Amino acid sequence: MKKYSISACIAAIILLFNSCATNPVTGKRDIVLMSEEQEIALGAQSDPAVLAQFGLYEDKALQQFITEKGQAMAAISHRPNLKYEFKVVDSPVINAFALPGGYVYFTRGIMAHFNNEAQFAGVLGHEIGHITARHSVQQQSKATLAQVGLIAGMVISPEIAQLGDAASQGLGLLFLKFGRDDERESDRLGVEYSSKIGYDASEMADFFLTLQRQQEGSGAAIPDFLSTHPNPADRYATVHEMAAEWKKKLNLTNAQVERNRYLKRIEGMVYGEDPRQGFVENNAFYHPELKFKFPIPSGWGYMNSPQVFQMGPKDGKAIMNLTLVPGETLEAAAQQMLQGYNLQPVESKSTTVNGLPALAIIADQKQDQQQQQQQQQVIRTLTYLIKYNGNNYSLMGITTANDFNNYFQTFTNTMEGFSVLNEADKLNRQPERIKLYTVQQASTLSQIFEQQNVKKERMQELAILNGLQLTDRVDRGTMIKLVSP
């Protein structure tokens, strides 16, 4: 027995040694469970899932800007050999994130909140730092490739989430949280990389304060920059100190900030939710482009993306998804849906929903032998497939067989409420966009907002958008951001 134990220990040590790799940034040995080739392949496989979930923001000039700056920074990074890709995705959430192997994404929400190129460059360097230091690979190794559903924990229980497309590996990677040491290292790399391409890295610290104010003011989910991150005040001081050190080291006497040039880049950008992609109002979802609407159960949370509209109660016991299903007929679409979700139909019927042809299907998720032995609860679904304007719309309600009767009427009310959107005010709803205004006379920011007829309840929001306080005095000739339809 002792002999076998010693052999097992030796094998474990060899396995651990073989799982180590030299960190490109620190030069130290890290425990990782994949090679660089596997890391690159993982990012390449995950990129389509990210784009399907968020969509690419349609602005060629802005996409070119992030690519040019990203490639310049990647060239002086610790891993210039990687084939980097940089993209602005169509999401109002204020965030930026990176996937293993060189994939970096900025939301239009965070692009709207930068107030100069130096802030942008600092955060860009921070995200590249996560890649060069292999933070995602390390975290994924520690998590042993654990999968995380996109909104599991917000509105869905883990058992229900298994039917959601959002539980893919690519999107799961976005939810690997970095520890404080990783974030400090990425801050340091962000300062280093942005300084090396000529920017004033101290501006990144100012942007962290903008993020903190936005989160405190809205009560929204904490961006990646702030979750499990160092104390904001300590972080602010540390980044300023590191920026000063790099300026001295590089003799950077004329570090770039480029406020006006950056603001002109984002003029006209969609700000906040884009109603053309669907919006929620008065417990109903409206889609002006596809011209349909349906009610949302009272008290349910929701999330909209180009791929799926999801909604669910806070207790996580159920979920409803709206998706498109390919198929020449409703019957063909039904077969594809059942196969795709591994469902066994219990009963179905042809019907109409507000004059539109439809199929109503109750189906259970098929269980394998192991699930049956473990006596796991059966997942039961109610789906209405509705034919409208050449598309097959699938409204699927998901819960356990035990809870199905409790949610049946709720599911039905939403699905049978699907109808053609005719209201002109909903069909013509336009997004807000960033508008630039050059201050004509030195005043406080709040006075300028009053002169520009900004509603009082939105003044703090726009102050944060500009990285300023309402009491700040703004000089004549200063360019600021406003929003307008």
Protein backbone atom coordinates (compact mmCIF):
# COMPACT_ATOMS: atom_id res chain seq x y z
CA MET A 1 0.00 0.00 0.00
CA LYS A 2 2.85 2.34 0.90
CA LYS A 3 4.53 1.61 -2.42
CA TYR A 4 1.37 2.50 -4.32
CA SER A 5 0.97 5.72 -2.29
CA ILE A 6 4.54 6.81 -3.11
CA SER A 7 3.96 6.04 -6.80
CA ALA A 8 0.74 8.04 -6.76
CA CYS A 9 2.53 10.99 -5.16
CA ILE A 10 5.30 10.88 -7.76
CA ALA A 11 2.70 10.75 -10.54
CA ALA A 12 0.88 13.72 -9.05
CA ILE A 13 4.11 15.72 -8.80
CA ILE A 14 4.95 14.92 -12.44
CA LEU A 15 1.45 15.94 -13.52
CA LEU A 16 1.72 19.18 -11.56
CA PHE A 17 5.15 19.92 -13.03
CA ASN A 18 3.86 19.27 -16.55
CA SER A 19 0.94 21.63 -15.88
CA CYS A 20 3.31 24.50 -15.09
CA ALA A 21 4.27 27.15 -17.60
CA THR A 22 6.43 30.26 -17.44
CA ASN A 23 4.32 33.38 -17.05
CA PRO A 24 5.24 35.81 -19.88
CA VAL A 25 4.90 38.81 -17.55
CA THR A 26 6.46 37.67 -14.29
CA GLY A 27 8.83 34.98 -15.58
CA LYS A 28 7.62 32.72 -12.78
CA ARG A 29 6.09 29.26 -13.11
CA ASP A 30 2.25 29.16 -13.12
CA ILE A 31 -0.07 26.18 -12.85
CA VAL A 32 -2.15 26.11 -16.02
CA LEU A 33 -4.04 23.25 -17.64
CA MET A 34 -3.63 24.26 -21.26
CA SER A 35 -0.89 25.10 -23.73
CA GLU A 36 -0.66 28.42 -25.56
CA GLU A 37 -2.07 26.69 -28.67
CA GLN A 38 -5.07 25.50 -26.65
CA GLU A 39 -5.48 28.98 -25.16
CA ILE A 40 -5.56 30.55 -28.63
CA ALA A 41 -8.01 27.92 -29.88
CA LEU A 42 -10.30 28.50 -26.88
CA GLY A 43 -10.50 32.23 -27.59
CA ALA A 44 -11.15 31.61 -31.29
CA GLN A 45 -13.95 29.16 -30.48
CA SER A 46 -15.51 31.51 -27.91
CA ASP A 47 -15.45 34.71 -29.98
CA PRO A 48 -18.54 33.80 -32.09
CA ALA A 49 -20.56 33.17 -28.92
CA VAL A 50 -19.67 36.63 -27.58
CA LEU A 51 -20.64 38.32 -30.85
CA ALA A 52 -23.88 36.33 -31.03
CA GLN A 53 -24.76 37.38 -27.50
CA PHE A 54 -23.92 41.09 -27.74
CA GLY A 55 -23.65 41.93 -31.43
CA LEU A 56 -20.98 44.09 -33.04
CA TYR A 57 -21.54 47.86 -32.79
CA GLU A 58 -21.96 49.18 -36.34
CA ASP A 59 -19.40 51.99 -36.51
CA LYS A 60 -16.48 51.27 -38.85
CA ALA A 61 -14.46 54.30 -37.73
CA LEU A 62 -14.74 53.33 -34.05
CA GLN A 63 -13.90 49.70 -34.80
CA GLN A 64 -10.84 50.87 -36.74
CA PHE A 65 -9.81 53.12 -33.83
CA ILE A 66 -9.89 50.34 -31.23
CA THR A 67 -8.07 48.00 -33.61
CA GLU A 68 -5.28 50.49 -34.38
CA LYS A 69 -4.69 51.36 -30.72
CA GLY A 70 -5.00 47.74 -29.65
CA GLN A 71 -2.47 46.50 -32.20
CA ALA A 72 -0.02 49.29 -31.28
CA MET A 73 -0.27 48.31 -27.63
CA ALA A 74 -0.12 44.57 -28.32
CA ALA A 75 3.13 45.10 -30.24
CA ILE A 76 4.89 46.44 -27.11
CA SER A 77 3.23 43.96 -24.71
CA HIS A 78 4.75 40.86 -23.15
CA ARG A 79 3.04 38.63 -25.75
CA PRO A 80 3.37 40.38 -29.13
CA ASN A 81 3.27 37.00 -30.90
CA LEU A 82 -0.48 36.53 -30.34
CA LYS A 83 -2.95 37.41 -33.08
CA TYR A 84 -5.06 39.98 -31.21
CA GLU A 85 -8.57 41.07 -32.12
CA PHE A 86 -10.27 44.17 -30.68
CA LYS A 87 -14.01 44.83 -30.98
CA VAL A 88 -16.68 47.23 -29.75
CA VAL A 89 -19.84 45.28 -28.95
CA ASP A 90 -23.38 46.63 -28.98
CA SER A 91 -24.23 46.68 -25.29
CA PRO A 92 -25.17 49.63 -23.04
CA VAL A 93 -23.51 47.96 -20.04
CA ILE A 94 -20.33 49.75 -18.91
CA ASN A 95 -17.72 47.04 -19.26
CA ALA A 96 -14.67 45.69 -21.04
CA PHE A 97 -13.44 42.11 -20.98
CA ALA A 98 -10.90 39.78 -22.56
CA LEU A 99 -10.86 36.14 -23.62
CA PRO A 100 -7.78 33.91 -23.66
CA GLY A 101 -5.57 34.04 -26.73
CA GLY A 102 -5.89 37.73 -27.60
CA TYR A 103 -9.60 38.70 -27.83
CA VAL A 104 -10.56 42.05 -26.29
CA TYR A 105 -14.06 43.56 -26.20
CA PHE A 106 -15.29 47.00 -25.17
CA THR A 107 -19.02 47.74 -24.90
CA ARG A 108 -20.39 50.90 -26.45
CA GLY A 109 -21.51 51.69 -22.89
CA ILE A 110 -17.94 52.01 -21.66
CA MET A 111 -16.84 53.84 -24.82
CA ALA A 112 -19.54 56.43 -24.11
CA HIS A 113 -18.19 57.00 -20.59
CA PHE A 114 -14.56 57.62 -21.53
CA ASN A 115 -13.76 61.32 -21.73
CA ASN A 116 -10.42 61.15 -23.47
CA GLU A 117 -8.16 58.75 -25.36
CA ALA A 118 -5.86 58.31 -22.36
CA GLN A 119 -8.68 56.83 -20.25
CA PHE A 120 -9.52 54.45 -23.06
CA ALA A 121 -5.85 53.50 -23.53
CA GLY A 122 -5.38 52.75 -19.84
CA VAL A 123 -8.34 50.36 -19.76
CA LEU A 124 -7.23 48.83 -23.06
CA GLY A 125 -3.84 48.12 -21.50
CA HIS A 126 -5.56 46.66 -18.43
CA GLU A 127 -7.47 44.16 -20.58
CA ILE A 128 -4.42 43.26 -22.66
CA GLY A 129 -2.67 42.72 -19.34
CA HIS A 130 -5.19 40.02 -18.41
CA ILE A 131 -4.21 38.23 -21.63
CA THR A 132 -0.46 38.69 -21.41
CA ALA A 133 -0.39 37.52 -17.78
CA ARG A 134 -2.72 34.59 -18.68
CA HIS A 135 -5.20 35.47 -15.94
CA SER A 136 -8.20 33.90 -17.72
CA VAL A 137 -6.30 30.65 -18.25
CA GLN A 138 -5.20 30.56 -14.61
CA GLN A 139 -8.72 31.23 -13.33
CA GLN A 140 -10.23 28.67 -15.67
CA SER A 141 -7.68 26.11 -14.53
CA LYS A 142 -8.55 26.81 -10.90
CA ALA A 143 -12.23 26.47 -11.71
CA THR A 144 -11.55 23.22 -13.61
CA LEU A 145 -13.45 24.58 -16.59
CA ALA A 146 -16.64 25.11 -14.55
CA GLN A 147 -19.48 26.44 -16.67
CA VAL A 148 -21.46 29.51 -15.64
CA GLY A 149 -24.82 30.45 -17.18
CA LEU A 150 -25.15 33.99 -18.44
CA ILE A 151 -27.85 35.10 -16.02
CA ALA A 152 -27.85 32.12 -13.68
CA GLY A 153 -28.04 33.50 -10.18
CA MET A 154 -29.95 36.54 -11.38
CA VAL A 155 -33.21 34.96 -12.49
CA ILE A 156 -32.51 31.26 -13.04
CA SER A 157 -31.69 28.34 -10.80
CA PRO A 158 -28.80 26.09 -11.97
CA GLU A 159 -31.17 23.24 -12.87
CA ILE A 160 -33.22 25.47 -15.14
CA ALA A 161 -30.16 27.14 -16.67
CA GLN A 162 -29.05 23.92 -18.32
CA LEU A 163 -31.54 24.55 -21.13
CA GLY A 164 -30.22 28.05 -21.84
CA ASP A 165 -27.93 28.74 -24.78
CA ALA A 166 -26.13 31.25 -22.57
CA ALA A 167 -24.42 28.50 -20.62
CA SER A 168 -21.91 27.96 -23.41
CA GLN A 169 -18.24 27.72 -22.62
CA GLY A 170 -17.41 30.91 -24.48
CA LEU A 171 -19.77 33.04 -22.42
CA GLY A 172 -18.89 31.19 -19.24
CA LEU A 173 -15.34 32.50 -19.64
CA LEU A 174 -16.63 36.04 -19.18
CA PHE A 175 -17.69 35.23 -15.65
CA LEU A 176 -14.35 33.99 -14.34
CA LYS A 177 -13.60 36.56 -11.66
CA PHE A 178 -10.07 37.77 -11.23
CA GLY A 179 -8.61 38.13 -7.74
CA ARG A 180 -7.17 41.35 -6.36
CA ASP A 181 -3.60 40.37 -7.18
CA ASP A 182 -4.59 39.80 -10.82
CA GLU A 183 -6.34 43.16 -10.94
CA ARG A 184 -3.37 44.98 -9.41
CA GLU A 185 -1.13 43.31 -11.98
CA SER A 186 -3.43 44.32 -14.84
CA ASP A 187 -3.56 47.89 -13.50
CA ARG A 188 0.23 47.92 -13.50
CA LEU A 189 0.33 46.56 -17.06
CA GLY A 190 -2.33 49.02 -18.18
CA VAL A 191 -0.16 51.88 -16.91
CA GLU A 192 2.95 50.40 -18.53
CA TYR A 193 1.41 49.64 -21.93
CA SER A 194 -0.53 52.92 -22.30
CA SER A 195 2.55 54.92 -21.22
CA LYS A 196 4.72 53.12 -23.76
CA ILE A 197 2.48 54.23 -26.63
CA GLY A 198 2.54 57.81 -25.35
CA TYR A 199 -0.57 58.29 -23.19
CA ASP A 200 -0.98 59.85 -19.74
CA ALA A 201 -1.78 56.72 -17.72
CA SER A 202 -2.93 58.72 -14.68
CA GLU A 203 -6.19 59.32 -16.59
CA MET A 204 -7.07 55.64 -16.05
CA ALA A 205 -7.29 56.31 -12.31
CA ASP A 206 -9.80 59.11 -12.93
CA PHE A 207 -11.93 56.75 -14.98
CA PHE A 208 -12.05 54.23 -12.13
CA LEU A 209 -13.71 56.94 -10.04
CA THR A 210 -16.27 57.43 -12.82
CA LEU A 211 -17.06 53.71 -12.70
CA GLN A 212 -17.40 53.81 -8.93
CA ARG A 213 -19.80 56.78 -9.08
CA GLN A 214 -21.88 55.15 -11.79
CA GLN A 215 -22.25 51.92 -9.84
CA GLU A 216 -23.12 53.70 -6.59
CA GLY A 217 -25.62 55.97 -8.32
CA SER A 218 -27.47 53.32 -10.31
CA GLY A 219 -27.23 50.30 -8.04
CA ALA A 220 -26.38 48.36 -11.20
CA ALA A 221 -24.25 45.24 -11.30
CA ILE A 222 -20.61 45.95 -10.50
CA PRO A 223 -18.46 46.06 -13.64
CA ASP A 224 -15.54 43.65 -13.93
CA PHE A 225 -13.23 46.51 -13.00
CA LEU A 226 -14.75 46.79 -9.52
CA SER A 227 -15.74 43.26 -8.50
CA THR A 228 -13.17 41.65 -6.20
CA HIS A 229 -10.96 44.65 -6.89
CA PRO A 230 -8.71 46.68 -4.59
CA ASN A 231 -10.17 49.57 -2.60
CA PRO A 232 -11.00 52.35 -5.13
CA ALA A 233 -9.19 55.03 -3.13
CA ASP A 234 -6.06 52.88 -2.81
CA ARG A 235 -6.27 51.95 -6.45
CA TYR A 236 -6.60 55.59 -7.51
CA ALA A 237 -3.48 56.57 -5.59
CA THR A 238 -1.48 53.55 -6.76
CA VAL A 239 -2.26 54.10 -10.45
CA HIS A 240 -1.29 57.79 -10.18
CA GLU A 241 1.98 56.81 -8.52
CA MET A 242 2.78 54.17 -11.16
CA ALA A 243 1.89 56.60 -13.96
CA ALA A 244 4.32 59.18 -12.56
CA GLU A 245 7.07 56.53 -12.38
CA TRP A 246 6.58 55.52 -16.03
CA LYS A 247 6.53 59.14 -17.19
CA LYS A 248 9.91 59.61 -15.51
CA LYS A 249 11.28 56.30 -16.82
CA LEU A 250 10.25 57.04 -20.41
CA ASN A 251 10.95 60.78 -20.16
CA LEU A 252 7.35 61.27 -21.26
CA THR A 253 7.20 65.05 -21.00
CA ASN A 254 4.22 65.50 -23.31
CA ALA A 255 1.95 62.54 -22.51
CA GLN A 256 -1.21 62.46 -24.65
CA VAL A 257 -4.71 62.94 -23.23
CA GLU A 258 -6.66 63.93 -26.38
CA ARG A 259 -10.00 64.86 -24.87
CA ASN A 260 -11.65 66.65 -27.79
CA ARG A 261 -10.39 64.20 -30.38
CA TYR A 262 -11.91 61.30 -28.45
CA LEU A 263 -15.24 63.05 -27.86
CA LYS A 264 -15.59 63.72 -31.58
CA ARG A 265 -15.05 59.99 -32.21
CA ILE A 266 -18.09 59.04 -30.14
CA GLU A 267 -20.38 61.86 -31.25
CA GLY A 268 -23.65 60.33 -32.44
CA MET A 269 -23.05 57.02 -30.60
CA VAL A 270 -26.14 55.22 -29.32
CA TYR A 271 -26.46 55.87 -25.60
CA GLY A 272 -28.24 53.48 -23.23
CA GLU A 273 -30.70 50.86 -24.41
CA ASP A 274 -31.38 50.81 -28.15
CA PRO A 275 -35.16 50.52 -28.56
CA ARG A 276 -34.73 49.43 -32.18
CA GLN A 277 -33.45 46.12 -30.77
CA GLY A 278 -36.45 45.79 -28.49
CA PHE A 279 -37.41 47.50 -25.25
CA VAL A 280 -39.51 46.93 -22.14
CA GLU A 281 -42.17 49.39 -21.05
CA ASN A 282 -45.12 48.95 -18.69
CA ASN A 283 -44.57 45.18 -18.27
CA ALA A 284 -44.44 44.51 -22.01
CA PHE A 285 -41.67 43.83 -24.53
CA TYR A 286 -41.84 45.73 -27.83
CA HIS A 287 -39.73 45.14 -30.93
CA PRO A 288 -40.12 48.00 -33.43
CA GLU A 289 -37.97 46.42 -36.16
CA LEU A 290 -39.70 43.02 -36.08
CA LYS A 291 -43.08 44.60 -35.23
CA PHE A 292 -44.30 42.38 -32.38
CA LYS A 293 -45.05 42.68 -28.67
CA PHE A 294 -45.93 40.46 -25.71
CA PRO A 295 -46.53 40.94 -21.97
CA ILE A 296 -43.93 40.19 -19.28
CA PRO A 297 -45.12 38.67 -15.98
CA SER A 298 -45.21 41.25 -13.21
CA GLY A 299 -42.12 41.20 -11.01
CA TRP A 300 -40.02 39.11 -13.41
CA GLY A 301 -36.50 40.13 -14.35
CA TYR A 302 -35.44 40.21 -17.98
CA MET A 303 -32.44 40.50 -20.26
CA ASN A 304 -32.41 41.34 -23.95
CA SER A 305 -29.70 40.38 -26.44
CA PRO A 306 -29.55 39.88 -30.21
CA GLN A 307 -29.76 36.13 -29.68
CA VAL A 308 -32.46 35.72 -27.04
CA PHE A 309 -34.86 37.60 -24.78
CA GLN A 310 -34.95 35.95 -21.35
CA MET A 311 -37.21 36.59 -18.37
CA GLY A 312 -37.74 34.90 -15.04
CA PRO A 313 -38.91 35.32 -11.45
CA LYS A 314 -36.47 36.28 -8.71
CA ASP A 315 -36.75 32.89 -6.99
CA GLY A 316 -35.20 31.23 -10.06
CA LYS A 317 -37.83 28.52 -10.31
CA ALA A 318 -38.75 29.22 -13.93
CA ILE A 319 -37.61 30.99 -17.08
CA MET A 320 -39.08 32.03 -20.40
CA ASN A 321 -37.03 32.49 -23.59
CA LEU A 322 -37.94 34.13 -26.88
CA THR A 323 -35.80 32.93 -29.77
CA LEU A 324 -36.05 32.39 -33.51
CA VAL A 325 -36.17 28.79 -34.80
CA PRO A 326 -35.36 27.97 -38.44
CA GLY A 327 -37.76 25.87 -40.51
CA GLU A 328 -39.96 26.14 -43.57
CA THR A 329 -43.00 25.16 -41.50
CA LEU A 330 -43.95 25.27 -37.84
CA GLU A 331 -43.75 21.48 -37.76
CA ALA A 332 -40.17 21.54 -39.10
CA ALA A 333 -39.25 24.21 -36.57
CA ALA A 334 -40.78 22.12 -33.81
CA GLN A 335 -38.66 19.10 -34.74
CA GLN A 336 -35.50 21.19 -34.75
CA MET A 337 -36.35 22.76 -31.39
CA LEU A 338 -37.12 19.40 -29.74
CA GLN A 339 -33.91 17.85 -31.01
CA GLY A 340 -31.80 20.87 -30.12
CA TYR A 341 -32.97 20.91 -26.52
CA ASN A 342 -33.21 17.13 -26.17
CA LEU A 343 -36.94 17.26 -25.45
CA GLN A 344 -39.56 14.52 -25.56
CA PRO A 345 -43.03 15.84 -26.52
CA VAL A 346 -45.85 15.07 -24.09
CA GLU A 347 -48.66 16.70 -26.04
CA SER A 348 -49.08 19.28 -28.79
CA LYS A 349 -51.81 21.10 -30.67
CA SER A 350 -52.22 23.46 -33.59
CA THR A 351 -53.77 26.79 -32.63
CA THR A 352 -53.74 30.49 -33.44
CA VAL A 353 -52.39 33.38 -31.36
CA ASN A 354 -54.10 36.68 -32.12
CA GLY A 355 -54.72 35.52 -35.69
CA LEU A 356 -51.21 34.08 -36.19
CA PRO A 357 -50.71 30.33 -36.84
CA ALA A 358 -49.08 28.56 -33.90
CA LEU A 359 -48.11 25.23 -32.35
CA ALA A 360 -48.39 24.68 -28.59
CA ILE A 361 -46.13 21.92 -27.25
CA ILE A 362 -45.59 20.48 -23.78
CA ALA A 363 -42.34 18.51 -23.60
CA ASP A 364 -39.97 17.04 -21.02
CA GLN A 365 -36.21 17.03 -21.15
CA LYS A 366 -34.97 13.51 -21.77
CA GLN A 367 -33.08 12.01 -18.84
CA ASP A 368 -30.15 9.67 -19.15
CA GLN A 369 -29.74 6.65 -16.89
CA GLN A 370 -27.54 8.50 -14.41
CA GLN A 371 -30.06 11.30 -13.98
CA GLN A 372 -32.81 8.75 -13.40
CA GLN A 373 -30.72 6.92 -10.82
CA GLN A 374 -29.99 10.18 -9.03
CA GLN A 375 -33.72 10.93 -9.13
CA GLN A 376 -33.15 14.39 -10.54
CA GLN A 377 -36.25 16.46 -11.13
CA VAL A 378 -37.68 16.31 -14.62
CA ILE A 379 -37.52 19.60 -16.56
CA ARG A 380 -40.86 20.37 -18.24
CA THR A 381 -41.41 22.98 -20.95
CA LEU A 382 -44.33 24.73 -22.59
CA THR A 383 -43.51 26.20 -26.00
CA TYR A 384 -45.60 28.26 -28.36
CA LEU A 385 -44.14 28.35 -31.87
CA ILE A 386 -45.69 31.28 -33.73
CA LYS A 387 -45.40 32.03 -37.45
CA TYR A 388 -45.17 35.75 -38.22
CA ASN A 389 -43.65 37.64 -41.17
CA GLY A 390 -41.76 34.58 -42.35
CA ASN A 391 -40.15 33.91 -38.93
CA ASN A 392 -40.80 31.12 -36.43
CA TYR A 393 -40.88 32.67 -32.96
CA SER A 394 -40.36 30.29 -30.06
CA LEU A 395 -41.66 31.36 -26.65
CA MET A 396 -40.50 28.61 -24.28
CA GLY A 397 -41.39 28.39 -20.60
CA ILE A 398 -39.11 26.16 -18.52
CA THR A 399 -39.56 24.82 -15.00
CA THR A 400 -39.63 21.50 -13.16
CA ALA A 401 -42.45 19.01 -13.66
CA ASN A 402 -43.42 19.55 -10.00
CA ASP A 403 -43.81 23.32 -10.50
CA PHE A 404 -45.21 23.18 -14.03
CA ASN A 405 -48.87 23.59 -13.04
CA ASN A 406 -47.97 26.59 -10.88
CA TYR A 407 -46.41 28.39 -13.86
CA PHE A 408 -48.62 27.08 -16.67
CA GLN A 409 -51.04 30.02 -16.64
CA THR A 410 -48.21 32.55 -16.37
CA PHE A 411 -46.47 30.99 -19.35
CA THR A 412 -49.72 30.85 -21.32
CA ASN A 413 -50.64 34.49 -20.63
CA THR A 414 -47.36 35.71 -22.07
CA MET A 415 -47.34 33.35 -25.05
CA GLU A 416 -50.96 34.00 -26.02
CA GLY A 417 -50.28 37.72 -25.60
CA PHE A 418 -47.85 37.72 -28.53
CA SER A 419 -49.31 40.04 -31.17
CA VAL A 420 -48.58 42.39 -34.04
CA LEU A 421 -47.17 45.77 -32.99
CA ASN A 422 -49.19 48.62 -34.51
CA GLU A 423 -48.73 51.54 -32.09
CA ALA A 424 -46.94 54.37 -33.92
CA ASP A 425 -45.14 55.69 -30.83
CA LYS A 426 -43.57 52.24 -30.23
CA LEU A 427 -42.77 51.57 -33.89
CA ASN A 428 -41.04 54.94 -34.26
CA ARG A 429 -39.12 54.87 -30.98
CA GLN A 430 -35.53 56.01 -31.52
CA PRO A 431 -32.45 55.60 -29.30
CA GLU A 432 -30.76 58.44 -27.50
CA ARG A 433 -27.41 59.45 -28.93
CA ILE A 434 -24.41 61.37 -27.63
CA LYS A 435 -24.44 65.02 -28.66
CA LEU A 436 -21.51 67.38 -28.13
CA TYR A 437 -21.90 70.92 -26.83
CA THR A 438 -19.20 73.55 -26.57
CA VAL A 439 -19.64 75.71 -23.46
CA GLN A 440 -20.23 79.36 -24.42
CA GLN A 441 -19.71 80.92 -21.00
CA ALA A 442 -17.86 79.62 -17.93
CA SER A 443 -20.43 78.19 -15.48
CA THR A 444 -20.98 75.27 -13.15
CA LEU A 445 -21.95 72.03 -14.85
CA SER A 446 -25.43 72.15 -13.28
CA GLN A 447 -25.99 75.67 -14.67
CA ILE A 448 -24.94 74.51 -18.14
CA PHE A 449 -27.35 71.59 -17.90
CA GLU A 450 -30.17 73.95 -16.91
CA GLN A 451 -29.41 76.18 -19.89
CA GLN A 452 -29.53 73.09 -22.16
CA ASN A 453 -32.89 71.98 -20.69
CA VAL A 454 -31.53 68.78 -19.12
CA LYS A 455 -34.12 67.31 -16.76
CA LYS A 456 -33.13 67.55 -13.11
CA GLU A 457 -33.54 63.82 -12.54
CA ARG A 458 -30.92 63.14 -15.25
CA MET A 459 -28.32 65.73 -14.28
CA GLN A 460 -26.31 63.40 -12.04
CA GLU A 461 -26.34 60.70 -14.73
CA LEU A 462 -24.91 63.12 -17.30
CA ALA A 463 -22.40 64.49 -14.81
CA ILE A 464 -21.03 60.96 -14.42
CA LEU A 465 -21.07 60.54 -18.21
CA ASN A 466 -18.77 63.58 -18.39
CA GLY A 467 -16.57 62.50 -15.49
CA LEU A 468 -17.47 65.73 -13.64
CA GLN A 469 -19.34 66.87 -10.54
CA LEU A 470 -22.41 69.08 -10.89
CA THR A 471 -20.61 71.74 -8.84
CA ASP A 472 -17.51 71.73 -11.06
CA ARG A 473 -16.81 74.97 -12.90
CA VAL A 474 -16.51 74.39 -16.65
CA ASP A 475 -14.47 76.84 -18.71
CA ARG A 476 -15.68 78.54 -21.85
CA GLY A 477 -14.79 76.50 -24.94
CA THR A 478 -14.90 73.16 -23.10
CA MET A 479 -16.63 70.37 -25.00
CA ILE A 480 -19.11 68.31 -22.97
CA LYS A 481 -21.47 65.40 -23.68
CA LEU A 482 -25.24 65.67 -23.75
CA VAL A 483 -27.78 63.13 -25.02
CA SER A 484 -30.70 63.58 -27.36
CA PRO A 485 -33.12 61.39 -29.35
